[in-house]
Each structure stands twice: as C-alpha cells, then as structure tokens.
Full PDB file with SEQRES, HELIX, SHEET, SSBOND, CRYST1, ORIGX, SCALE, CONECT and MASTER records, all heavy atoms in Angstrom:
SEQRES   1 A   32  ASP GLU VAL LYS PRO VAL ASP VAL SER THR TRP LYS LEU          
SEQRES   2 A   32  GLU LEU SER GLY LEU ILE LYS ASP LYS ARG PRO TRP THR          
SEQRES   3 A   32  LEU ASP GLN ILE TYR ALA                                      
HELIX    1 AA1 LEU A   27  TYR A   31  1                                   5    
SHEET    1 AA1 2 LYS A  12  LEU A  13  0                                        
SHEET    2 AA1 2 TRP A  25  THR A  26 -1                                        
CRYST1    1.000    1.000    1.000  90.00  90.00  90.00 P 1           1          
ORIGX1      1.000000  0.000000  0.000000        0.00000                         
ORIGX2      0.000000  1.000000  0.000000        0.00000                         
ORIGX3      0.000000  0.000000  1.000000        0.00000                         
SCALE1      1.000000  0.000000  0.000000        0.00000                         
SCALE2      0.000000  1.000000  0.000000        0.00000                         
SCALE3      0.000000  0.000000  1.000000        0.00000                         
ATOM      1  N   ASP A   1       0.811  -1.219   0.000  1.00  0.00           N  
ATOM      2  CA  ASP A   1       0.000   0.000   0.000  1.00  0.00           C  
ATOM      3  C   ASP A   1       0.845   1.270   0.000  1.00  0.00           C  
ATOM      4  O   ASP A   1       0.313   2.381  -0.066  1.00  0.00           O  
ATOM      5  CB  ASP A   1      -0.980   0.008   1.178  1.00  0.00           C  
ATOM      6  CG  ASP A   1      -0.290  -0.124   2.528  1.00  0.00           C  
ATOM      7  OD1 ASP A   1       0.967  -0.174   2.554  1.00  0.00           O  
ATOM      8  OD2 ASP A   1      -0.990  -0.169   3.548  1.00  0.00           O  
ATOM      9  N   GLU A   2       2.166   1.117   0.059  1.00  0.00           N  
ATOM     10  CA  GLU A   2       3.060   2.271   0.003  1.00  0.00           C  
ATOM     11  C   GLU A   2       3.611   2.512  -1.397  1.00  0.00           C  
ATOM     12  O   GLU A   2       4.404   3.438  -1.612  1.00  0.00           O  
ATOM     13  CB  GLU A   2       4.214   2.081   0.983  1.00  0.00           C  
ATOM     14  CG  GLU A   2       3.789   1.987   2.442  1.00  0.00           C  
ATOM     15  CD  GLU A   2       4.974   1.761   3.355  1.00  0.00           C  
ATOM     16  OE1 GLU A   2       5.931   2.555   3.291  1.00  0.00           O  
ATOM     17  OE2 GLU A   2       4.951   0.780   4.118  1.00  0.00           O  
ATOM     18  N   VAL A   3       3.213   1.695  -2.371  1.00  0.00           N  
ATOM     19  CA  VAL A   3       3.687   1.850  -3.742  1.00  0.00           C  
ATOM     20  C   VAL A   3       3.213   3.186  -4.311  1.00  0.00           C  
ATOM     21  O   VAL A   3       2.046   3.557  -4.170  1.00  0.00           O  
ATOM     22  CB  VAL A   3       3.181   0.689  -4.633  1.00  0.00           C  
ATOM     23  CG1 VAL A   3       3.514   0.970  -6.104  1.00  0.00           C  
ATOM     24  CG2 VAL A   3       3.801  -0.625  -4.188  1.00  0.00           C  
ATOM     25  N   LYS A   4       4.124   3.899  -4.960  1.00  0.00           N  
ATOM     26  CA  LYS A   4       3.798   5.162  -5.608  1.00  0.00           C  
ATOM     27  C   LYS A   4       3.772   4.935  -7.127  1.00  0.00           C  
ATOM     28  O   LYS A   4       4.828   4.845  -7.753  1.00  0.00           O  
ATOM     29  CB  LYS A   4       4.823   6.232  -5.245  1.00  0.00           C  
ATOM     30  CG  LYS A   4       4.887   6.531  -3.759  1.00  0.00           C  
ATOM     31  CD  LYS A   4       5.975   7.545  -3.437  1.00  0.00           C  
ATOM     32  CE  LYS A   4       6.032   7.828  -1.946  1.00  0.00           C  
ATOM     33  NZ  LYS A   4       7.128   8.791  -1.617  1.00  0.00           N  
ATOM     34  N   PRO A   5       2.574   4.812  -7.714  1.00  0.00           N  
ATOM     35  CA  PRO A   5       2.477   4.519  -9.150  1.00  0.00           C  
ATOM     36  C   PRO A   5       3.190   5.560 -10.014  1.00  0.00           C  
ATOM     37  O   PRO A   5       3.230   6.747  -9.683  1.00  0.00           O  
ATOM     38  CB  PRO A   5       0.966   4.538  -9.397  1.00  0.00           C  
ATOM     39  CG  PRO A   5       0.354   4.271  -8.067  1.00  0.00           C  
ATOM     40  CD  PRO A   5       1.265   4.942  -7.074  1.00  0.00           C  
ATOM     41  N   VAL A   6       3.744   5.086 -11.112  1.00  0.00           N  
ATOM     42  CA  VAL A   6       4.435   5.946 -12.069  1.00  0.00           C  
ATOM     43  C   VAL A   6       3.433   6.464 -13.092  1.00  0.00           C  
ATOM     44  O   VAL A   6       2.586   5.712 -13.571  1.00  0.00           O  
ATOM     45  CB  VAL A   6       5.559   5.169 -12.780  1.00  0.00           C  
ATOM     46  CG1 VAL A   6       6.213   6.023 -13.857  1.00  0.00           C  
ATOM     47  CG2 VAL A   6       6.595   4.685 -11.773  1.00  0.00           C  
ATOM     48  N   ASP A   7       3.525   7.726 -13.442  1.00  0.00           N  
ATOM     49  CA  ASP A   7       2.698   8.290 -14.507  1.00  0.00           C  
ATOM     50  C   ASP A   7       3.336   7.909 -15.843  1.00  0.00           C  
ATOM     51  O   ASP A   7       4.301   8.544 -16.286  1.00  0.00           O  
ATOM     52  CB  ASP A   7       2.620   9.810 -14.363  1.00  0.00           C  
ATOM     53  CG  ASP A   7       1.700  10.454 -15.398  1.00  0.00           C  
ATOM     54  OD1 ASP A   7       1.235   9.736 -16.316  1.00  0.00           O  
ATOM     55  OD2 ASP A   7       1.464  11.675 -15.311  1.00  0.00           O  
ATOM     56  N   VAL A   8       2.835   6.862 -16.468  1.00  0.00           N  
ATOM     57  CA  VAL A   8       3.452   6.353 -17.688  1.00  0.00           C  
ATOM     58  C   VAL A   8       3.330   7.325 -18.852  1.00  0.00           C  
ATOM     59  O   VAL A   8       4.082   7.238 -19.832  1.00  0.00           O  
ATOM     60  CB  VAL A   8       2.871   4.982 -18.081  1.00  0.00           C  
ATOM     61  CG1 VAL A   8       3.184   3.941 -17.014  1.00  0.00           C  
ATOM     62  CG2 VAL A   8       1.369   5.068 -18.321  1.00  0.00           C  
ATOM     63  N   SER A   9       2.396   8.278 -18.773  1.00  0.00           N  
ATOM     64  CA  SER A   9       2.216   9.239 -19.867  1.00  0.00           C  
ATOM     65  C   SER A   9       3.375  10.226 -19.954  1.00  0.00           C  
ATOM     66  O   SER A   9       3.640  10.798 -21.019  1.00  0.00           O  
ATOM     67  CB  SER A   9       0.901   9.991 -19.695  1.00  0.00           C  
ATOM     68  OG  SER A   9       0.931  10.818 -18.542  1.00  0.00           O  
ATOM     69  N   THR A  10       4.074  10.437 -18.844  1.00  0.00           N  
ATOM     70  CA  THR A  10       5.202  11.371 -18.839  1.00  0.00           C  
ATOM     71  C   THR A  10       6.533  10.679 -18.548  1.00  0.00           C  
ATOM     72  O   THR A  10       7.582  11.323 -18.527  1.00  0.00           O  
ATOM     73  CB  THR A  10       4.979  12.463 -17.772  1.00  0.00           C  
ATOM     74  OG1 THR A  10       4.874  11.850 -16.471  1.00  0.00           O  
ATOM     75  CG2 THR A  10       3.712  13.246 -18.067  1.00  0.00           C  
ATOM     76  N   TRP A  11       6.482   9.373 -18.328  1.00  0.00           N  
ATOM     77  CA  TRP A  11       7.686   8.625 -17.954  1.00  0.00           C  
ATOM     78  C   TRP A  11       8.720   8.643 -19.069  1.00  0.00           C  
ATOM     79  O   TRP A  11       8.384   8.512 -20.254  1.00  0.00           O  
ATOM     80  CB  TRP A  11       7.308   7.190 -17.622  1.00  0.00           C  
ATOM     81  CG  TRP A  11       8.475   6.293 -17.307  1.00  0.00           C  
ATOM     82  CD1 TRP A  11       9.019   6.053 -16.085  1.00  0.00           C  
ATOM     83  CD2 TRP A  11       9.235   5.505 -18.234  1.00  0.00           C  
ATOM     84  NE1 TRP A  11      10.059   5.169 -16.178  1.00  0.00           N  
ATOM     85  CE2 TRP A  11      10.208   4.817 -17.491  1.00  0.00           C  
ATOM     86  CE3 TRP A  11       9.175   5.320 -19.621  1.00  0.00           C  
ATOM     87  CZ2 TRP A  11      11.134   3.957 -18.078  1.00  0.00           C  
ATOM     88  CZ3 TRP A  11      10.097   4.465 -20.215  1.00  0.00           C  
ATOM     89  CH2 TRP A  11      11.064   3.789 -19.437  1.00  0.00           C  
ATOM     90  N   LYS A  12       9.973   8.782 -18.699  1.00  0.00           N  
ATOM     91  CA  LYS A  12      11.092   8.649 -19.630  1.00  0.00           C  
ATOM     92  C   LYS A  12      12.233   7.915 -18.925  1.00  0.00           C  
ATOM     93  O   LYS A  12      12.405   8.051 -17.712  1.00  0.00           O  
ATOM     94  CB  LYS A  12      11.574  10.021 -20.108  1.00  0.00           C  
ATOM     95  CG  LYS A  12      10.627  10.704 -21.077  1.00  0.00           C  
ATOM     96  CD  LYS A  12      11.238  12.001 -21.619  1.00  0.00           C  
ATOM     97  CE  LYS A  12      10.301  12.655 -22.624  1.00  0.00           C  
ATOM     98  NZ  LYS A  12      10.890  13.908 -23.187  1.00  0.00           N  
ATOM     99  N   LEU A  13      12.975   7.141 -19.710  1.00  0.00           N  
ATOM    100  CA  LEU A  13      14.134   6.438 -19.179  1.00  0.00           C  
ATOM    101  C   LEU A  13      15.367   7.306 -19.386  1.00  0.00           C  
ATOM    102  O   LEU A  13      15.765   7.566 -20.533  1.00  0.00           O  
ATOM    103  CB  LEU A  13      14.308   5.088 -19.873  1.00  0.00           C  
ATOM    104  CG  LEU A  13      15.535   4.275 -19.443  1.00  0.00           C  
ATOM    105  CD1 LEU A  13      15.418   3.858 -17.981  1.00  0.00           C  
ATOM    106  CD2 LEU A  13      15.715   3.038 -20.344  1.00  0.00           C  
ATOM    107  N   GLU A  14      15.968   7.757 -18.303  1.00  0.00           N  
ATOM    108  CA  GLU A  14      17.159   8.593 -18.375  1.00  0.00           C  
ATOM    109  C   GLU A  14      18.407   7.718 -18.441  1.00  0.00           C  
ATOM    110  O   GLU A  14      18.471   6.648 -17.824  1.00  0.00           O  
ATOM    111  CB  GLU A  14      17.232   9.513 -17.152  1.00  0.00           C  
ATOM    112  CG  GLU A  14      16.018  10.406 -16.965  1.00  0.00           C  
ATOM    113  CD  GLU A  14      15.906  11.482 -18.037  1.00  0.00           C  
ATOM    114  OE1 GLU A  14      16.947  11.814 -18.659  1.00  0.00           O  
ATOM    115  OE2 GLU A  14      14.792  11.999 -18.244  1.00  0.00           O  
ATOM    116  N   LEU A  15      19.416   8.192 -19.183  1.00  0.00           N  
ATOM    117  CA  LEU A  15      20.662   7.453 -19.363  1.00  0.00           C  
ATOM    118  C   LEU A  15      21.841   8.316 -18.938  1.00  0.00           C  
ATOM    119  O   LEU A  15      21.862   9.529 -19.195  1.00  0.00           O  
ATOM    120  CB  LEU A  15      20.829   7.029 -20.827  1.00  0.00           C  
ATOM    121  CG  LEU A  15      19.690   6.202 -21.433  1.00  0.00           C  
ATOM    122  CD1 LEU A  15      19.916   5.999 -22.927  1.00  0.00           C  
ATOM    123  CD2 LEU A  15      19.557   4.859 -20.731  1.00  0.00           C  
ATOM    124  N   SER A  16      22.844   7.689 -18.322  1.00  0.00           N  
ATOM    125  CA  SER A  16      24.017   8.447 -17.889  1.00  0.00           C  
ATOM    126  C   SER A  16      25.237   7.537 -17.835  1.00  0.00           C  
ATOM    127  O   SER A  16      25.140   6.318 -17.972  1.00  0.00           O  
ATOM    128  CB  SER A  16      23.774   9.082 -16.512  1.00  0.00           C  
ATOM    129  OG  SER A  16      23.590   8.075 -15.525  1.00  0.00           O  
ATOM    130  N   GLY A  17      26.389   8.159 -17.626  1.00  0.00           N  
ATOM    131  CA  GLY A  17      27.623   7.392 -17.500  1.00  0.00           C  
ATOM    132  C   GLY A  17      28.296   7.141 -18.831  1.00  0.00           C  
ATOM    133  O   GLY A  17      28.284   7.997 -19.735  1.00  0.00           O  
ATOM    134  N   LEU A  18      28.867   5.954 -18.954  1.00  0.00           N  
ATOM    135  CA  LEU A  18      29.671   5.601 -20.126  1.00  0.00           C  
ATOM    136  C   LEU A  18      28.779   5.156 -21.284  1.00  0.00           C  
ATOM    137  O   LEU A  18      28.787   4.004 -21.722  1.00  0.00           O  
ATOM    138  CB  LEU A  18      30.668   4.514 -19.738  1.00  0.00           C  
ATOM    139  CG  LEU A  18      31.590   4.876 -18.558  1.00  0.00           C  
ATOM    140  CD1 LEU A  18      32.470   3.698 -18.183  1.00  0.00           C  
ATOM    141  CD2 LEU A  18      32.432   6.094 -18.887  1.00  0.00           C  
ATOM    142  N   ILE A  19      27.993   6.111 -21.789  1.00  0.00           N  
ATOM    143  CA  ILE A  19      27.035   5.877 -22.877  1.00  0.00           C  
ATOM    144  C   ILE A  19      27.187   6.998 -23.897  1.00  0.00           C  
ATOM    145  O   ILE A  19      27.224   8.177 -23.525  1.00  0.00           O  
ATOM    146  CB  ILE A  19      25.591   5.853 -22.327  1.00  0.00           C  
ATOM    147  CG1 ILE A  19      25.403   4.683 -21.358  1.00  0.00           C  
ATOM    148  CG2 ILE A  19      24.579   5.778 -23.463  1.00  0.00           C  
ATOM    149  CD1 ILE A  19      24.058   4.686 -20.653  1.00  0.00           C  
ATOM    150  N   LYS A  20      27.291   6.664 -25.175  1.00  0.00           N  
ATOM    151  CA  LYS A  20      27.475   7.682 -26.208  1.00  0.00           C  
ATOM    152  C   LYS A  20      26.196   8.483 -26.455  1.00  0.00           C  
ATOM    153  O   LYS A  20      26.221   9.701 -26.549  1.00  0.00           O  
ATOM    154  CB  LYS A  20      27.939   7.015 -27.506  1.00  0.00           C  
ATOM    155  CG  LYS A  20      29.345   6.448 -27.442  1.00  0.00           C  
ATOM    156  CD  LYS A  20      29.746   5.809 -28.766  1.00  0.00           C  
ATOM    157  CE  LYS A  20      31.162   5.241 -28.687  1.00  0.00           C  
ATOM    158  NZ  LYS A  20      31.559   4.570 -29.959  1.00  0.00           N  
ATOM    159  N   ASP A  21      25.073   7.794 -26.557  1.00  0.00           N  
ATOM    160  CA  ASP A  21      23.803   8.457 -26.842  1.00  0.00           C  
ATOM    161  C   ASP A  21      22.961   8.485 -25.565  1.00  0.00           C  
ATOM    162  O   ASP A  21      22.300   7.514 -25.218  1.00  0.00           O  
ATOM    163  CB  ASP A  21      23.059   7.723 -27.956  1.00  0.00           C  
ATOM    164  CG  ASP A  21      21.806   8.456 -28.410  1.00  0.00           C  
ATOM    165  OD1 ASP A  21      21.432   9.459 -27.762  1.00  0.00           O  
ATOM    166  OD2 ASP A  21      21.189   8.037 -29.409  1.00  0.00           O  
ATOM    167  N   LYS A  22      22.990   9.623 -24.881  1.00  0.00           N  
ATOM    168  CA  LYS A  22      22.315   9.733 -23.597  1.00  0.00           C  
ATOM    169  C   LYS A  22      20.907  10.326 -23.709  1.00  0.00           C  
ATOM    170  O   LYS A  22      20.309  10.701 -22.694  1.00  0.00           O  
ATOM    171  CB  LYS A  22      23.142  10.569 -22.632  1.00  0.00           C  
ATOM    172  CG  LYS A  22      24.493   9.956 -22.257  1.00  0.00           C  
ATOM    173  CD  LYS A  22      25.184  10.801 -21.201  1.00  0.00           C  
ATOM    174  CE  LYS A  22      26.482  10.170 -20.735  1.00  0.00           C  
ATOM    175  NZ  LYS A  22      27.510  10.179 -21.801  1.00  0.00           N  
ATOM    176  N   ARG A  23      20.374  10.380 -24.898  1.00  0.00           N  
ATOM    177  CA  ARG A  23      19.014  10.892 -25.034  1.00  0.00           C  
ATOM    178  C   ARG A  23      18.034   9.978 -24.306  1.00  0.00           C  
ATOM    179  O   ARG A  23      18.132   8.752 -24.391  1.00  0.00           O  
ATOM    180  CB  ARG A  23      18.625  10.987 -26.513  1.00  0.00           C  
ATOM    181  CG  ARG A  23      19.354  12.090 -27.279  1.00  0.00           C  
ATOM    182  CD  ARG A  23      18.976  12.074 -28.736  1.00  0.00           C  
ATOM    183  NE  ARG A  23      19.459  10.859 -29.401  1.00  0.00           N  
ATOM    184  CZ  ARG A  23      19.266  10.586 -30.700  1.00  0.00           C  
ATOM    185  NH1 ARG A  23      18.563  11.423 -31.460  1.00  0.00           N  
ATOM    186  NH2 ARG A  23      19.750   9.469 -31.221  1.00  0.00           N  
ATOM    187  N   PRO A  24      17.085  10.552 -23.575  1.00  0.00           N  
ATOM    188  CA  PRO A  24      16.103   9.730 -22.845  1.00  0.00           C  
ATOM    189  C   PRO A  24      15.187   8.978 -23.798  1.00  0.00           C  
ATOM    190  O   PRO A  24      14.965   9.407 -24.938  1.00  0.00           O  
ATOM    191  CB  PRO A  24      15.338  10.758 -21.999  1.00  0.00           C  
ATOM    192  CG  PRO A  24      15.512  12.049 -22.724  1.00  0.00           C  
ATOM    193  CD  PRO A  24      16.866  11.999 -23.349  1.00  0.00           C  
ATOM    194  N   TRP A  25      14.650   7.871 -23.306  1.00  0.00           N  
ATOM    195  CA  TRP A  25      13.748   7.036 -24.098  1.00  0.00           C  
ATOM    196  C   TRP A  25      12.331   7.132 -23.544  1.00  0.00           C  
ATOM    197  O   TRP A  25      12.129   7.091 -22.333  1.00  0.00           O  
ATOM    198  CB  TRP A  25      14.204   5.578 -24.049  1.00  0.00           C  
ATOM    199  CG  TRP A  25      15.362   5.298 -24.961  1.00  0.00           C  
ATOM    200  CD1 TRP A  25      16.618   5.817 -24.870  1.00  0.00           C  
ATOM    201  CD2 TRP A  25      15.352   4.430 -26.105  1.00  0.00           C  
ATOM    202  NE1 TRP A  25      17.413   5.327 -25.882  1.00  0.00           N  
ATOM    203  CE2 TRP A  25      16.656   4.469 -26.658  1.00  0.00           C  
ATOM    204  CE3 TRP A  25      14.392   3.621 -26.691  1.00  0.00           C  
ATOM    205  CZ2 TRP A  25      17.018   3.729 -27.773  1.00  0.00           C  
ATOM    206  CZ3 TRP A  25      14.747   2.870 -27.807  1.00  0.00           C  
ATOM    207  CH2 TRP A  25      16.034   2.940 -28.350  1.00  0.00           C  
ATOM    208  N   THR A  26      11.375   7.227 -24.454  1.00  0.00           N  
ATOM    209  CA  THR A  26       9.973   7.180 -24.048  1.00  0.00           C  
ATOM    210  C   THR A  26       9.520   5.727 -24.007  1.00  0.00           C  
ATOM    211  O   THR A  26      10.181   4.829 -24.565  1.00  0.00           O  
ATOM    212  CB  THR A  26       9.089   7.957 -25.024  1.00  0.00           C  
ATOM    213  OG1 THR A  26       9.091   7.280 -26.299  1.00  0.00           O  
ATOM    214  CG2 THR A  26       9.584   9.392 -25.199  1.00  0.00           C  
ATOM    215  N   LEU A  27       8.381   5.497 -23.401  1.00  0.00           N  
ATOM    216  CA  LEU A  27       7.856   4.136 -23.321  1.00  0.00           C  
ATOM    217  C   LEU A  27       7.487   3.614 -24.704  1.00  0.00           C  
ATOM    218  O   LEU A  27       7.709   2.438 -25.008  1.00  0.00           O  
ATOM    219  CB  LEU A  27       6.648   4.099 -22.390  1.00  0.00           C  
ATOM    220  CG  LEU A  27       6.105   2.708 -22.038  1.00  0.00           C  
ATOM    221  CD1 LEU A  27       7.190   1.844 -21.424  1.00  0.00           C  
ATOM    222  CD2 LEU A  27       4.924   2.837 -21.079  1.00  0.00           C  
ATOM    223  N   ASP A  28       6.956   4.475 -25.550  1.00  0.00           N  
ATOM    224  CA  ASP A  28       6.605   4.051 -26.913  1.00  0.00           C  
ATOM    225  C   ASP A  28       7.848   3.602 -27.674  1.00  0.00           C  
ATOM    226  O   ASP A  28       7.796   2.624 -28.441  1.00  0.00           O  
ATOM    227  CB  ASP A  28       5.916   5.193 -27.665  1.00  0.00           C  
ATOM    228  CG  ASP A  28       4.490   5.426 -27.200  1.00  0.00           C  
ATOM    229  OD1 ASP A  28       3.913   4.501 -26.590  1.00  0.00           O  
ATOM    230  OD2 ASP A  28       3.951   6.525 -27.440  1.00  0.00           O  
ATOM    231  N   GLN A  29       8.959   4.299 -27.475  1.00  0.00           N  
ATOM    232  CA  GLN A  29      10.201   3.902 -28.147  1.00  0.00           C  
ATOM    233  C   GLN A  29      10.678   2.541 -27.665  1.00  0.00           C  
ATOM    234  O   GLN A  29      11.157   1.713 -28.452  1.00  0.00           O  
ATOM    235  CB  GLN A  29      11.289   4.951 -27.902  1.00  0.00           C  
ATOM    236  CG  GLN A  29      11.083   6.254 -28.652  1.00  0.00           C  
ATOM    237  CD  GLN A  29      12.123   7.298 -28.273  1.00  0.00           C  
ATOM    238  OE1 GLN A  29      12.363   7.571 -27.095  1.00  0.00           O  
ATOM    239  NE2 GLN A  29      12.768   7.863 -29.278  1.00  0.00           N  
ATOM    240  N   ILE A  30      10.545   2.300 -26.375  1.00  0.00           N  
ATOM    241  CA  ILE A  30      10.960   1.003 -25.831  1.00  0.00           C  
ATOM    242  C   ILE A  30      10.029  -0.103 -26.315  1.00  0.00           C  
ATOM    243  O   ILE A  30      10.476  -1.203 -26.672  1.00  0.00           O  
ATOM    244  CB  ILE A  30      11.012   1.063 -24.296  1.00  0.00           C  
ATOM    245  CG1 ILE A  30      12.159   1.975 -23.861  1.00  0.00           C  
ATOM    246  CG2 ILE A  30      11.181  -0.333 -23.692  1.00  0.00           C  
ATOM    247  CD1 ILE A  30      12.305   2.157 -22.377  1.00  0.00           C  
ATOM    248  N   TYR A  31       8.736   0.179 -26.349  1.00  0.00           N  
ATOM    249  CA  TYR A  31       7.781  -0.806 -26.860  1.00  0.00           C  
ATOM    250  C   TYR A  31       8.054  -1.163 -28.318  1.00  0.00           C  
ATOM    251  O   TYR A  31       7.722  -2.266 -28.779  1.00  0.00           O  
ATOM    252  CB  TYR A  31       6.353  -0.274 -26.732  1.00  0.00           C  
ATOM    253  CG  TYR A  31       5.700  -0.496 -25.392  1.00  0.00           C  
ATOM    254  CD1 TYR A  31       4.861   0.467 -24.844  1.00  0.00           C  
ATOM    255  CD2 TYR A  31       5.925  -1.659 -24.657  1.00  0.00           C  
ATOM    256  CE1 TYR A  31       4.240   0.270 -23.606  1.00  0.00           C  
ATOM    257  CE2 TYR A  31       5.323  -1.863 -23.427  1.00  0.00           C  
ATOM    258  CZ  TYR A  31       4.484  -0.897 -22.907  1.00  0.00           C  
ATOM    259  OH  TYR A  31       3.889  -1.095 -21.693  1.00  0.00           O  
ATOM    260  N   ALA A  32       8.636  -0.240 -29.078  1.00  0.00           N  
ATOM    261  CA  ALA A  32       8.897  -0.463 -30.504  1.00  0.00           C  
ATOM    262  C   ALA A  32      10.090  -1.390 -30.746  1.00  0.00           C  
ATOM    263  O   ALA A  32      10.273  -1.888 -31.861  1.00  0.00           O  
ATOM    264  CB  ALA A  32       9.126   0.873 -31.201  1.00  0.00           C  
TER     265      ALA A  32                                                      
MASTER        0    0    0    1    2    0    0    6  264    1    0    3          
END                                                                             
C-alpha cells in the first residue's frame, strides 16, 4: 500500500555514464 504509481504518460528512461547516446527514451520507443 506504500507503492507510488508511475505516470506512464510522462515517464522517460534517463541514461548516464559511459554511454554515447544519452538521449532519454519514451515508453513508446521502448515498446517499438
């Protein structure tokens, strides 16, 4: 009951560190 649901409509996957392309990913892009 302490779970805080994620708003999937605005969710993005952030990338950092030793990665060349750090552009965030949307859920639609991941689903594709």
